[in-house]
Protein backbone atom coordinates (compact mmCIF):
# COMPACT_ATOMS: atom_id res chain seq x y z
CA MET A 1 -15.61 248.49 93.46
CA VAL A 2 -17.88 245.59 92.49
CA LEU A 3 -20.67 243.76 94.28
CA ALA A 4 -20.87 239.99 93.92
CA ALA A 5 -23.58 239.92 91.27
CA PRO A 6 -24.62 238.28 87.99
CA PHE A 7 -24.32 240.05 84.67
CA ALA A 8 -25.30 243.70 84.53
CA ASP A 9 -28.40 245.02 82.78
CA ILE A 10 -26.57 248.19 81.69
CA ILE A 11 -22.96 249.36 81.65
CA TYR A 12 -22.14 253.04 81.08
CA SER A 13 -18.69 254.05 79.84
CA GLY A 14 -16.98 256.27 77.31
CA GLY A 15 -17.21 259.61 79.08
CA ASP A 16 -16.46 261.43 82.30
CA ILE A 17 -18.18 259.96 85.35
CA VAL A 18 -18.52 262.35 88.29
CA THR A 19 -19.48 260.17 91.24
CA VAL A 20 -19.76 262.87 93.97
CA ASN A 21 -18.17 260.21 96.19
CA GLU A 22 -15.01 261.53 97.84
CA LEU A 23 -13.67 257.99 98.29
CA GLN A 24 -13.92 257.35 94.54
CA PRO A 25 -14.39 260.71 92.81
CA GLY A 26 -14.14 259.37 89.27
CA ALA A 27 -14.56 256.13 87.36
CA GLU A 28 -14.36 254.72 83.86
CA ALA A 29 -17.60 252.74 84.00
CA VAL A 30 -20.77 252.13 85.99
CA ALA A 31 -22.79 248.89 85.98
CA VAL A 32 -26.48 248.67 86.83
CA LYS A 33 -28.81 245.78 87.58
CA ASN A 34 -32.46 245.93 88.60
CA GLY A 35 -32.28 249.70 88.91
CA LYS A 36 -29.35 249.62 91.35
CA ILE A 37 -25.67 250.37 90.91
CA ILE A 38 -23.70 247.12 91.23
CA ALA A 39 -20.24 248.30 90.21
CA VAL A 40 -18.23 251.51 89.79
CA GLY A 41 -14.65 251.48 88.57
CA ALA A 42 -12.30 250.54 85.76
CA LYS A 43 -13.70 249.49 82.38
CA ASP A 44 -11.64 246.30 82.25
CA GLU A 45 -13.15 245.11 85.52
CA LEU A 46 -16.72 246.18 84.84
CA PHE A 47 -16.79 244.75 81.32
CA LYS A 48 -16.49 241.35 82.97
CA LEU A 49 -20.11 241.90 84.01
CA LYS A 50 -21.20 242.08 80.37
CA GLY A 51 -23.56 239.30 79.37
CA SER A 52 -25.51 238.58 76.20
CA GLN A 53 -28.41 240.76 77.41
CA THR A 54 -26.31 243.60 78.82
CA LYS A 55 -26.93 246.99 77.22
CA MET A 56 -23.65 248.81 76.64
CA VAL A 57 -24.14 252.60 76.76
CA ASP A 58 -21.37 254.67 75.18
CA LEU A 59 -21.46 258.17 76.68
CA GLN A 60 -19.62 259.45 73.60
CA GLY A 61 -17.49 261.82 75.62
CA LYS A 62 -20.38 263.27 77.60
CA THR A 63 -20.56 263.37 81.41
CA LEU A 64 -22.55 261.14 83.77
CA ILE A 65 -23.50 262.58 87.18
CA PRO A 66 -26.02 261.57 89.89
CA GLY A 67 -29.62 262.55 89.26
CA PHE A 68 -30.55 265.99 90.56
CA ILE A 69 -32.58 266.09 93.77
CA ASP A 70 -35.01 268.94 94.29
CA ALA A 71 -34.15 270.43 97.68
CA HIS A 72 -37.17 272.71 97.55
CA GLY A 73 -39.80 273.20 94.90
CA HIS A 74 -43.44 272.63 94.12
CA VAL A 75 -43.72 269.94 91.46
CA PHE A 76 -47.52 269.92 91.57
CA ASN A 77 -47.80 273.69 91.29
CA THR A 78 -45.18 273.64 88.53
CA GLY A 79 -47.80 271.81 86.51
CA VAL A 80 -49.98 274.88 86.92
CA GLN A 81 -47.12 277.00 85.56
CA ALA A 82 -46.71 274.69 82.60
CA LEU A 83 -50.39 274.93 81.72
CA SER A 84 -51.03 278.69 82.03
CA ALA A 85 -50.06 281.77 80.05
CA ASN A 86 -46.31 282.26 80.38
CA LEU A 87 -45.76 285.74 81.82
CA LEU A 88 -42.11 285.20 82.78
CA PRO A 89 -39.55 287.83 81.74
CA GLN A 90 -36.48 287.02 79.69
CA PRO A 91 -34.68 284.63 79.51
CA ASP A 92 -37.56 282.30 80.43
CA GLY A 93 -40.33 284.24 78.68
CA LYS A 94 -40.99 287.42 76.75
CA VAL A 95 -42.89 289.63 79.20
CA ASN A 96 -40.77 292.65 80.10
CA SER A 97 -43.47 295.33 79.94
CA ILE A 98 -47.15 295.68 80.78
CA PRO A 99 -48.14 295.95 77.08
CA ALA A 100 -46.25 292.66 76.46
CA LEU A 101 -48.07 291.11 79.41
CA GLN A 102 -51.43 292.24 78.06
CA GLN A 103 -50.63 290.91 74.59
CA THR A 104 -49.49 287.53 75.95
CA LEU A 105 -52.75 287.18 77.88
CA ARG A 106 -54.79 288.11 74.80
CA GLU A 107 -52.94 285.56 72.67
CA TRP A 108 -53.47 282.85 75.28
CA ALA A 109 -57.17 283.69 75.62
CA ALA A 110 -57.58 283.55 71.83
CA GLU A 111 -56.35 279.98 71.51
CA PRO A 112 -59.29 277.74 70.55
CA GLN A 113 -59.04 275.41 73.54
CA ASN A 114 -58.94 278.39 75.94
CA LYS A 115 -61.81 280.48 74.60
CA LYS A 116 -64.59 278.54 76.31
CA LEU A 117 -63.05 278.34 79.76
CA GLY A 118 -64.44 281.51 81.24
CA VAL A 119 -61.19 282.71 82.83
CA ILE A 120 -57.86 284.15 81.68
CA PHE A 121 -55.03 282.80 83.81
CA GLY A 122 -51.32 283.68 83.71
CA PHE A 123 -48.26 282.92 85.77
CA GLY A 124 -44.86 284.48 86.32
CA TYR A 125 -45.03 288.26 85.86
CA ASP A 126 -42.28 290.10 87.73
CA ASP A 127 -42.66 293.80 88.51
CA SER A 128 -38.91 294.12 89.01
CA GLN A 129 -38.36 293.14 85.37
CA LEU A 130 -41.21 295.10 83.83
CA ALA A 131 -40.21 298.36 82.15
CA GLU A 132 -42.77 300.16 84.32
CA GLN A 133 -41.17 298.78 87.54
CA ARG A 134 -44.56 298.15 89.11
CA HIS A 135 -47.42 295.66 89.22
CA PRO A 136 -50.14 295.81 86.57
CA THR A 137 -53.37 297.34 87.86
CA ARG A 138 -56.95 296.12 87.63
CA ASP A 139 -57.54 298.74 84.93
CA GLU A 140 -54.70 297.37 82.79
CA LEU A 141 -56.10 293.86 83.19
CA ASP A 142 -59.58 295.20 82.39
CA ALA A 143 -58.04 296.23 79.07
CA VAL A 144 -57.43 292.53 78.41
CA SER A 145 -61.02 291.65 79.28
CA LYS A 146 -63.86 293.25 81.19
CA ASP A 147 -66.18 290.29 80.70
CA LEU A 148 -63.91 287.45 81.87
CA PRO A 149 -62.02 287.25 85.17
CA VAL A 150 -58.29 287.81 84.66
CA ILE A 151 -55.98 286.38 87.32
CA ILE A 152 -52.20 286.59 87.07
CA ILE A 153 -49.77 285.24 89.65
CA HIS A 154 -46.51 287.00 90.47
CA GLN A 155 -43.33 285.01 89.84
CA SER A 156 -42.72 284.80 93.58
CA GLY A 157 -46.04 283.00 94.05
CA HIS A 158 -46.79 285.36 96.96
CA LEU A 159 -48.76 288.04 95.12
CA ALA A 160 -51.33 288.21 92.35
CA ALA A 161 -53.16 290.81 90.29
CA MET A 162 -56.81 290.62 89.25
CA ASN A 163 -59.08 292.59 86.99
CA SER A 164 -62.35 294.13 88.18
CA LYS A 165 -64.38 291.08 87.18
CA ALA A 166 -62.17 288.73 89.20
CA LEU A 167 -62.13 291.05 92.23
CA ALA A 168 -65.92 291.19 92.20
CA MET A 169 -66.20 287.42 91.91
CA VAL A 170 -64.00 286.81 94.96
CA GLY A 171 -65.84 289.51 96.90
CA TYR A 172 -63.11 292.15 97.27
CA GLY A 173 -64.31 295.75 97.34
CA ALA A 174 -63.82 299.05 99.14
CA SER A 175 -65.24 297.68 102.40
CA SER A 176 -63.09 294.52 102.43
CA ALA A 177 -60.65 294.38 105.34
CA ASP A 178 -57.09 293.13 104.96
CA PRO A 179 -56.86 289.54 106.21
CA ALA A 180 -54.29 288.58 108.85
CA GLY A 181 -50.96 287.97 107.12
CA GLY A 182 -51.99 289.67 103.89
CA LYS A 183 -52.87 292.97 102.20
CA ILE A 184 -55.33 294.17 99.59
CA ARG A 185 -53.51 297.01 97.88
CA ARG A 186 -55.67 300.09 97.28
CA ARG A 187 -55.97 302.84 94.71
CA ALA A 188 -54.17 306.05 95.69
CA GLY A 189 -56.35 308.01 98.11
CA SER A 190 -59.18 305.47 97.89
CA PRO A 191 -60.28 302.30 99.72
CA GLU A 192 -60.98 300.62 96.36
CA PRO A 193 -58.67 297.66 95.59
CA ASP A 194 -56.14 298.42 92.86
CA GLY A 195 -56.04 294.75 91.83
CA VAL A 196 -52.86 293.62 93.59
CA LEU A 197 -53.20 291.08 96.41
CA GLU A 198 -50.44 290.09 98.83
CA GLU A 199 -49.98 286.82 100.71
CA MET A 200 -53.14 285.66 102.55
CA ALA A 201 -55.30 288.14 100.65
CA PHE A 202 -54.36 286.10 97.59
CA PHE A 203 -54.08 282.60 99.09
CA ARG A 204 -57.42 282.70 100.88
CA VAL A 205 -59.34 283.17 97.63
CA LEU A 206 -57.23 281.09 95.26
CA ILE A 207 -56.81 277.91 97.34
CA PRO A 208 -60.60 277.25 97.56
CA LEU A 209 -60.87 277.77 93.82
CA PHE A 210 -58.18 275.19 93.13
CA ALA A 211 -60.04 272.79 95.40
CA LYS A 212 -62.82 272.69 92.76
CA LEU A 213 -60.59 270.84 90.29
CA SER A 214 -61.61 267.29 89.45
CA PRO A 215 -59.29 264.33 90.19
CA LYS A 216 -58.58 264.01 86.46
CA ASP A 217 -57.61 267.68 86.21
CA ASN A 218 -55.28 267.34 89.20
CA GLU A 219 -53.62 264.29 87.68
CA MET A 220 -53.00 266.23 84.45
CA ILE A 221 -51.42 269.09 86.38
CA PHE A 222 -49.21 266.73 88.40
CA LYS A 223 -48.02 264.86 85.31
CA ALA A 224 -47.18 268.16 83.59
CA GLY A 225 -45.07 269.16 86.59
CA MET A 226 -43.17 265.86 86.61
CA ASP A 227 -42.55 266.11 82.87
CA LEU A 228 -41.06 269.57 83.27
CA TYR A 229 -38.77 268.39 86.10
CA THR A 230 -37.38 265.49 84.07
CA ARG A 231 -36.45 267.86 81.26
CA PHE A 232 -34.02 269.55 83.65
CA GLY A 233 -32.47 266.38 85.07
CA TYR A 234 -34.43 265.89 88.28
CA THR A 235 -35.02 262.33 89.43
CA THR A 236 -36.43 263.36 92.83
CA ALA A 237 -38.90 266.23 93.21
CA GLN A 238 -40.63 267.98 96.08
CA GLU A 239 -44.11 269.38 96.57
CA GLY A 240 -43.20 271.88 99.22
CA ARG A 241 -46.56 273.10 100.45
CA ALA A 242 -49.02 270.39 99.58
CA THR A 243 -52.77 270.58 100.09
CA PRO A 244 -54.84 267.55 101.12
CA ASP A 245 -56.23 267.32 97.58
CA SER A 246 -52.82 267.41 95.93
CA VAL A 247 -51.50 264.75 98.33
CA LYS A 248 -54.44 262.49 97.56
CA THR A 249 -53.94 263.07 93.83
CA MET A 250 -50.24 262.24 93.96
CA TYR A 251 -50.77 259.23 96.22
CA GLY A 252 -53.66 258.00 94.09
CA LEU A 253 -51.63 258.22 90.89
CA ALA A 254 -48.80 256.28 92.56
CA GLN A 255 -51.31 253.63 93.59
CA LYS A 256 -52.15 253.13 89.91
CA GLY A 257 -48.52 252.67 88.89
CA LYS A 258 -44.97 253.80 89.54
CA LEU A 259 -44.38 257.52 89.09
CA LYS A 260 -41.85 258.73 86.54
CA ILE A 261 -39.71 260.25 89.33
CA ASP A 262 -39.72 260.13 93.13
CA VAL A 263 -41.86 262.81 94.75
CA ALA A 264 -41.66 263.81 98.41
CA ALA A 265 -44.50 265.99 99.68
CA TYR A 266 -44.57 268.32 102.67
CA PRO A 267 -48.19 269.27 103.43
CA ASP A 268 -48.99 272.64 104.97
CA ILE A 269 -48.92 272.07 108.73
CA GLN A 270 -51.71 274.62 109.24
CA GLY A 271 -54.27 273.25 106.84
CA ALA A 272 -53.29 269.73 105.85
CA GLN A 273 -52.62 267.76 109.03
CA GLU A 274 -55.09 265.12 107.87
CA VAL A 275 -52.54 263.83 105.34
CA ILE A 276 -49.43 264.06 107.54
CA LYS A 277 -50.06 260.51 108.69
CA ALA A 278 -50.27 256.95 107.38
CA PRO A 279 -50.69 255.78 104.70
CA TYR A 280 -49.18 258.93 103.21
CA LEU A 281 -46.44 259.72 105.75
CA SER A 282 -43.42 257.46 105.31
CA ARG A 283 -39.63 257.37 105.14
CA THR A 284 -39.89 255.09 102.10
CA TYR A 285 -41.54 255.68 98.73
CA HIS A 286 -44.58 253.77 97.53
CA ASN A 287 -44.34 253.63 93.75
CA GLY A 288 -42.39 256.87 93.86
CA PHE A 289 -44.47 258.91 96.32
CA ARG A 290 -44.35 259.68 100.02
CA VAL A 291 -45.29 262.41 102.46
CA ALA A 292 -41.94 263.22 104.03
CA GLY A 293 -42.88 265.77 106.67
CA ALA A 294 -44.61 269.13 107.10
CA LYS A 295 -44.24 272.67 105.76
CA LEU A 296 -44.60 275.87 107.79
CA ASN A 297 -44.79 279.33 106.22
CA LEU A 298 -43.58 282.25 108.35
CA ASP A 299 -43.29 285.16 105.91
CA GLY A 300 -43.40 286.22 102.29
CA SER A 301 -41.20 287.17 99.37
CA PRO A 302 -38.23 289.58 99.36
CA GLN A 303 -38.57 290.42 95.66
CA GLY A 304 -42.27 291.03 96.28
CA LYS A 305 -41.35 293.04 99.41
CA THR A 306 -43.54 290.99 101.74
CA ALA A 307 -40.71 289.12 103.51
CA TRP A 308 -40.41 290.01 107.21
CA LEU A 309 -37.19 291.93 107.93
CA THR A 310 -35.68 293.42 111.08
CA GLN A 311 -34.50 296.50 109.14
CA PRO A 312 -36.60 298.52 106.65
CA TYR A 313 -36.72 297.82 102.95
CA PHE A 314 -34.26 299.93 100.97
CA VAL A 315 -37.12 301.29 98.85
CA PRO A 316 -40.51 300.57 100.45
CA PRO A 317 -43.43 299.49 98.27
CA GLN A 318 -45.73 302.18 96.97
CA GLY A 319 -47.94 303.53 99.75
CA GLN A 320 -45.77 302.20 102.60
CA LYS A 321 -43.86 304.29 105.14
CA PRO A 322 -40.03 304.48 105.15
CA ASP A 323 -39.85 302.13 108.16
CA TYR A 324 -41.78 299.34 106.38
CA ARG A 325 -40.25 295.94 107.17
CA GLY A 326 -42.75 293.51 105.69
CA TYR A 327 -44.78 291.34 108.02
CA ALA A 328 -45.14 287.96 109.68
CA SER A 329 -47.45 285.21 108.48
CA MET A 330 -48.44 284.43 112.06
CA SER A 331 -47.83 285.33 115.69
CA ASP A 332 -44.93 284.00 117.75
CA ALA A 333 -47.40 281.90 119.73
CA ASP A 334 -48.77 280.24 116.61
CA ALA A 335 -45.30 279.66 115.19
CA GLN A 336 -44.33 277.98 118.45
CA LYS A 337 -47.47 275.86 118.39
CA TYR A 338 -46.70 274.45 114.96
CA VAL A 339 -43.00 273.88 115.60
CA ASP A 340 -43.92 272.08 118.83
CA LEU A 341 -46.43 269.96 116.92
CA ALA A 342 -43.77 268.86 114.44
CA PHE A 343 -41.25 268.06 117.18
CA LYS A 344 -43.81 266.16 119.23
CA ASN A 345 -44.82 264.01 116.26
CA HIS A 346 -41.26 263.59 114.95
CA TRP A 347 -42.23 265.19 111.63
CA GLN A 348 -39.45 266.62 109.55
CA LEU A 349 -40.28 270.33 109.33
CA LEU A 350 -39.49 272.67 106.47
CA ALA A 351 -40.09 276.34 107.31
CA HIS A 352 -40.30 279.09 104.70
CA VAL A 353 -38.24 281.95 106.18
CA ASN A 354 -37.02 284.64 103.80
CA GLY A 355 -36.62 287.66 106.07
CA ASP A 356 -34.28 287.73 109.05
CA ALA A 357 -37.17 288.57 111.41
CA ALA A 358 -38.93 285.39 110.29
CA ILE A 359 -35.65 283.49 110.75
CA ASP A 360 -35.44 284.84 114.32
CA GLN A 361 -38.99 283.64 114.95
CA TYR A 362 -38.12 280.16 113.66
CA ILE A 363 -34.85 279.90 115.58
CA ASN A 364 -36.54 280.93 118.82
CA ALA A 365 -39.36 278.44 118.30
CA VAL A 366 -36.93 275.61 117.48
CA ARG A 367 -34.81 276.39 120.53
CA LYS A 368 -37.86 276.21 122.83
CA ALA A 369 -39.18 273.06 121.15
CA GLU A 370 -35.81 271.38 121.56
CA GLU A 371 -35.86 272.21 125.27
CA LYS A 372 -39.28 270.53 125.53
CA PHE A 373 -38.76 267.50 123.31
CA GLY A 374 -35.00 267.00 123.27
CA LYS A 375 -32.50 266.75 120.47
CA GLY A 376 -32.87 264.24 117.69
CA ASP A 377 -32.02 263.62 114.07
CA ARG A 378 -34.96 265.61 112.73
CA ARG A 379 -33.11 267.39 109.90
CA ILE A 380 -35.41 270.36 110.11
CA VAL A 381 -34.86 272.86 107.32
CA ALA A 382 -34.82 276.63 106.94
CA ILE A 383 -36.17 277.12 103.43
CA HIS A 384 -34.63 280.08 101.54
CA ALA A 385 -33.03 281.77 104.61
CA GLN A 386 -32.06 284.46 102.14
CA THR A 387 -31.40 287.33 104.51
CA ALA A 388 -29.87 285.21 107.27
CA ARG A 389 -27.38 287.17 109.37
CA GLU A 390 -24.10 285.55 110.35
CA ASP A 391 -25.29 285.06 113.94
CA GLN A 392 -28.33 283.24 112.56
CA VAL A 393 -26.17 280.91 110.46
CA GLN A 394 -24.30 280.08 113.67
CA ALA A 395 -27.66 279.38 115.34
CA PHE A 396 -28.51 277.02 112.46
CA LYS A 397 -25.36 275.09 113.24
CA ASP A 398 -26.00 275.06 116.98
CA LEU A 399 -29.60 273.86 116.59
CA ASP A 400 -29.00 271.43 113.70
CA ILE A 401 -31.19 273.47 111.37
CA MET A 402 -30.21 272.71 107.78
CA PRO A 403 -30.44 275.74 105.50
CA SER A 404 -31.73 275.29 101.97
CA PHE A 405 -30.53 278.48 100.34
CA PHE A 406 -31.84 280.22 97.22
CA PRO A 407 -28.73 281.57 95.40
CA MET A 408 -30.72 281.49 92.16
CA HIS A 409 -32.02 284.87 93.39
CA THR A 410 -28.59 286.34 92.71
CA PHE A 411 -29.29 285.97 88.99
CA TYR A 412 -33.00 286.66 88.81
CA TRP A 413 -33.28 289.42 91.42
CA GLY A 414 -29.74 290.27 92.49
CA ASP A 415 -29.80 293.75 90.93
CA TRP A 416 -33.32 294.34 92.29
CA HIS A 417 -32.21 293.34 95.80
CA LYS A 418 -29.21 295.65 95.61
CA ASN A 419 -31.01 298.67 94.19
CA SER A 420 -34.50 298.40 95.67
CA VAL A 421 -35.14 295.59 98.16
CA LEU A 422 -32.17 295.41 100.57
CA GLY A 423 -29.50 297.87 99.51
CA ASP A 424 -25.94 296.90 98.67
CA GLU A 425 -24.66 295.56 102.02
CA ARG A 426 -27.53 293.20 102.77
CA ALA A 427 -27.82 292.16 99.12
CA GLN A 428 -24.18 291.05 99.05
CA ASN A 429 -24.95 288.52 101.78
CA ILE A 430 -28.19 287.13 100.39
CA SER A 431 -28.16 283.31 100.64
CA PRO A 432 -24.89 283.36 102.62
CA THR A 433 -23.40 280.01 101.62
CA GLY A 434 -19.89 281.17 102.51
CA TRP A 435 -20.81 281.62 106.16
CA ALA A 436 -22.21 278.09 106.26
CA LEU A 437 -19.12 276.58 104.61
CA ALA A 438 -16.86 278.45 107.02
CA ARG A 439 -18.62 276.62 109.85
CA GLY A 440 -18.29 273.20 108.24
CA MET A 441 -22.02 273.01 107.52
CA ILE A 442 -23.71 271.34 104.60
CA PHE A 443 -26.62 273.03 102.87
CA THR A 444 -28.74 272.65 99.78
CA SER A 445 -29.61 274.95 96.88
CA HIS A 446 -32.96 275.07 95.12
CA HIS A 447 -35.15 276.71 92.46
CA ASP A 448 -38.52 276.93 94.27
CA ALA A 449 -40.34 276.16 91.02
CA PRO A 450 -42.67 277.52 89.82
CA VAL A 451 -41.01 280.72 91.12
CA ALA A 452 -38.42 279.89 88.47
CA PHE A 453 -38.20 276.98 86.06
CA PRO A 454 -36.82 273.84 87.74
CA ASN A 455 -33.60 274.47 85.82
CA ALA A 456 -30.91 272.53 87.65
CA MET A 457 -28.05 274.01 85.64
CA ARG A 458 -29.15 277.58 86.38
CA VAL A 459 -29.42 276.69 90.08
CA TYR A 460 -25.93 275.18 89.83
CA SER A 461 -24.45 278.19 88.03
CA ALA A 462 -25.99 280.71 90.43
CA THR A 463 -24.73 278.79 93.46
CA VAL A 464 -21.20 278.73 92.07
CA ASN A 465 -21.01 282.13 90.35
CA ARG A 466 -23.59 284.50 91.94
CA VAL A 467 -23.73 286.68 88.82
CA THR A 468 -26.70 289.05 88.40
CA ARG A 469 -28.61 289.81 85.22
CA SER A 470 -26.41 292.89 84.76
CA GLY A 471 -23.22 290.82 85.07
CA ALA A 472 -22.22 291.92 88.58
CA VAL A 473 -20.98 289.41 91.15
CA LEU A 474 -23.10 289.56 94.30
CA GLY A 475 -21.25 288.45 97.42
CA PRO A 476 -18.04 286.96 95.98
CA GLU A 477 -17.15 285.51 99.40
CA HIS A 478 -20.24 283.31 99.13
CA ARG A 479 -19.20 281.70 95.84
CA VAL A 480 -18.56 277.96 96.11
CA SER A 481 -16.57 275.47 94.06
CA PRO A 482 -18.25 273.53 91.23
CA LEU A 483 -18.03 270.34 93.29
CA VAL A 484 -19.78 271.95 96.28
CA GLY A 485 -22.37 273.41 93.93
CA LEU A 486 -23.06 269.94 92.57
CA LYS A 487 -23.32 268.44 96.04
CA THR A 488 -26.03 270.94 97.00
CA GLN A 489 -28.35 269.30 94.45
CA THR A 490 -27.19 265.71 94.82
CA LEU A 491 -25.52 264.20 97.90
CA TRP A 492 -26.36 266.98 100.35
CA ALA A 493 -29.92 267.14 99.06
CA ALA A 494 -30.19 263.37 99.58
CA TYR A 495 -29.06 263.89 103.17
CA GLN A 496 -31.76 266.52 103.66
CA TYR A 497 -34.29 263.82 102.70
CA PHE A 498 -32.73 261.10 104.91
CA GLU A 499 -31.82 259.37 101.63
CA GLU A 500 -28.03 259.68 101.59
CA GLY A 501 -27.77 255.89 101.82
CA SER A 502 -29.65 255.36 98.57
CA LYS A 503 -29.20 258.48 96.44
CA GLY A 504 -27.05 261.50 95.70
CA SER A 505 -23.83 259.84 94.50
CA ILE A 506 -22.73 257.12 92.11
CA GLU A 507 -21.87 254.37 94.57
CA VAL A 508 -22.43 250.65 94.74
CA GLY A 509 -25.81 249.80 96.24
CA LYS A 510 -27.43 253.15 95.43
CA THR A 511 -30.28 253.77 93.05
CA ALA A 512 -29.26 254.17 89.41
CA ASP A 513 -30.50 257.76 89.08
CA PHE A 514 -28.30 259.64 86.61
CA VAL A 515 -28.08 262.67 84.37
CA VAL A 516 -26.03 262.83 81.18
CA LEU A 517 -24.62 266.33 80.61
CA SER A 518 -23.14 267.81 77.47
CA ALA A 519 -19.92 268.71 79.36
CA ASN A 520 -18.19 268.14 82.69
CA PRO A 521 -19.08 270.98 85.09
CA LEU A 522 -15.95 270.30 87.17
CA LYS A 523 -13.72 271.10 84.22
CA GLY A 524 -13.22 274.41 82.45
CA ASP A 525 -14.68 277.83 83.20
CA PRO A 526 -17.32 277.78 85.98
CA MET A 527 -19.02 280.68 84.18
CA LYS A 528 -19.93 278.20 81.43
CA ILE A 529 -21.90 275.89 83.73
CA ASN A 530 -25.20 277.45 82.71
CA ASP A 531 -24.43 276.59 79.07
CA ILE A 532 -24.18 272.87 79.83
CA GLN A 533 -27.21 270.96 78.61
CA VAL A 534 -29.12 268.09 80.16
CA LEU A 535 -29.06 265.44 77.43
CA ARG A 536 -30.63 262.53 79.27
CA THR A 537 -32.39 261.88 82.56
CA ILE A 538 -32.24 258.32 83.86
CA LYS A 539 -34.37 256.97 86.70
CA GLU A 540 -33.42 253.56 88.12
CA GLY A 541 -31.58 252.76 84.90
CA LYS A 542 -34.45 253.78 82.60
CA VAL A 543 -34.27 256.82 80.32
CA ILE A 544 -37.17 259.12 81.20
CA TYR A 545 -36.03 262.15 79.19
CA GLN A 546 -33.77 262.36 76.16
CA ALA A 547 -33.06 265.73 74.58
CA ASP A 548 -32.36 264.36 71.10
CA SER A 549 -35.49 262.22 71.00
CA GLN A 550 -38.07 263.54 68.55
CA ALA A 551 -40.77 261.75 70.49
CA THR A 552 -39.74 263.47 73.71
CA GLN A 553 -39.59 266.87 72.03
CA ALA A 554 -43.04 266.40 70.55
CA ALA A 555 -44.43 265.36 73.91
CA ASN A 556 -43.16 268.61 75.39
CA SER A 557 -44.36 271.02 72.71
CA CYS A 558 -47.67 272.41 71.58
CA SER A 559 -47.40 270.54 68.30
CA GLY A 560 -47.99 267.33 70.22
CA SER A 561 -51.74 266.88 70.43
CA ASP A 562 -51.42 264.74 73.54
CA ARG A 563 -50.02 267.76 75.41
CA CYS A 564 -52.43 270.37 74.04
CA PHE A 565 -55.36 269.35 76.16
CA THR A 566 -58.06 271.28 77.95
CA LEU A 567 -59.03 270.84 81.56
CA ALA A 568 -62.61 270.74 80.46
CA SER A 569 -64.06 269.59 83.73
CA ALA A 570 -62.34 272.22 85.86
CA THR A 571 -64.69 274.72 87.43
CA MET A 572 -63.07 277.90 88.62
CA MET A 573 -65.29 280.91 89.01
CA ARG A 574 -68.08 279.31 86.97
CA GLY A 575 -65.55 278.53 84.25
CA GLY A 576 -62.53 276.36 83.66
CA LEU A 577 -59.05 276.57 85.10
CA ILE A 578 -55.67 276.60 83.43
CA PRO A 579 -56.16 275.02 80.05
CA ALA A 580 -53.21 273.37 78.61
CA CYS A 581 -51.07 274.20 75.70
CA VAL A 582 -47.54 274.22 77.02
CA HIS A 583 -45.70 277.44 76.19
CA THR A 584 -42.85 277.21 78.64
CA TYR A 585 -40.03 276.23 76.33
């Protein structure tokens, strides 16, 4: 198919082209002009669009697919991950025990650019993957430093651990009450905090500290997040719980010049209503940025055992009773208030709902809001929906709630869910994509970075294969085909954003957002999908990441001086925040 057009700027050929367009599933060549696709089809026809200035790109047997679209993640906060001590377990890090965690923090704190900052900050520890099978305590973090505050964020992003110095600085002691929607974990038999903070007990002290960052610091963090996304093939990213400051940073950077990738932000509907309006709120991007709607948070993390369930956890957290089910982030009345607000203002709403009790709360609120404000093409989303029951998936269909599932959990925490969080039966049905497909529904699949790296191929593999760390298949009836798995991060994700007319497939008239892969994921063994490499990321016809480029590799390693910077002006707890030598690769 060819548009009436002058000569192309670029023509791609010489490899497999997966269009994700059912009317034209494959092609020999793709032609691009002014960042748009002008032709898709046979080489002989498209080569007629070759002019003296046309760049001919030989794929050399590699595979061209549409650019990946982030159905749910936190591109701004991923910059924080990229710039802090990497506490992730294997295969993304090296922290699989508390001694390894302590050593990683000591090494990070000893780096010259980090010594003067006055805080030791780490991200990504996971108690389920630590040999001790528990969170580190304040005493174990005191062993890293008693003089500097030590703050480490759990991989879920819903819990943190602090040393005694940090606890004192934020004002948590024996007399501190648990905040609504959160818990300060205590020492056994004592009211003294043990260092671990859940949900609002963590958010309420960290968010104000992040607000102290300077505009320059915030820009550095945002750029680091975008850089990490491009490395994994994303051409559209999401900031899924934006603060007013982060929105203003992202918008301000876009005002200065076009962003490397498109970024859609969803500010927190509770605390960021001031930026869910013009000039930020828009269905179209301004230099690559827009506020696309609002985010609502209704519960916590299943792997952190704070998600709100209707049935008890298989193994309750330490200190909890056998009937412990997690807890809500807010009352039914407040949930209804915020859902109503989104419906009234025609804001697209994304709601974080991990536990099935939280999903019930959301479904009930949506049903009542729809009765008040009528149906409409709102494309509201249930983010994660990991423990959705089959009756709830049917309710999603009935109420036009689009689920964005998190099958990546089947790899990272599948064994943990089966053996500790949910038990075998519920774990088999985590992120129940099969139930959605059986009802003719479309859905998306995501990484929730920085909970995990924004690794599109691992998201893809987990959605298709559902294989745990131990090699078990979790919920074989929820496996999907490689084509469906690809759609969840391309065409169906574009639909979630109201962008199916401009993105998500290789079709004439759409934006020339592509990824070049080392192999065709639709061919061969689906179990090999995770081994496929992102070789090139292309945004509107321009290469923004190239794996074999020495310049790109240097820009993403600590040997590149332009990346090893210090957020010198940041002031967190009388010191700096998250200095920056990237250790995530």
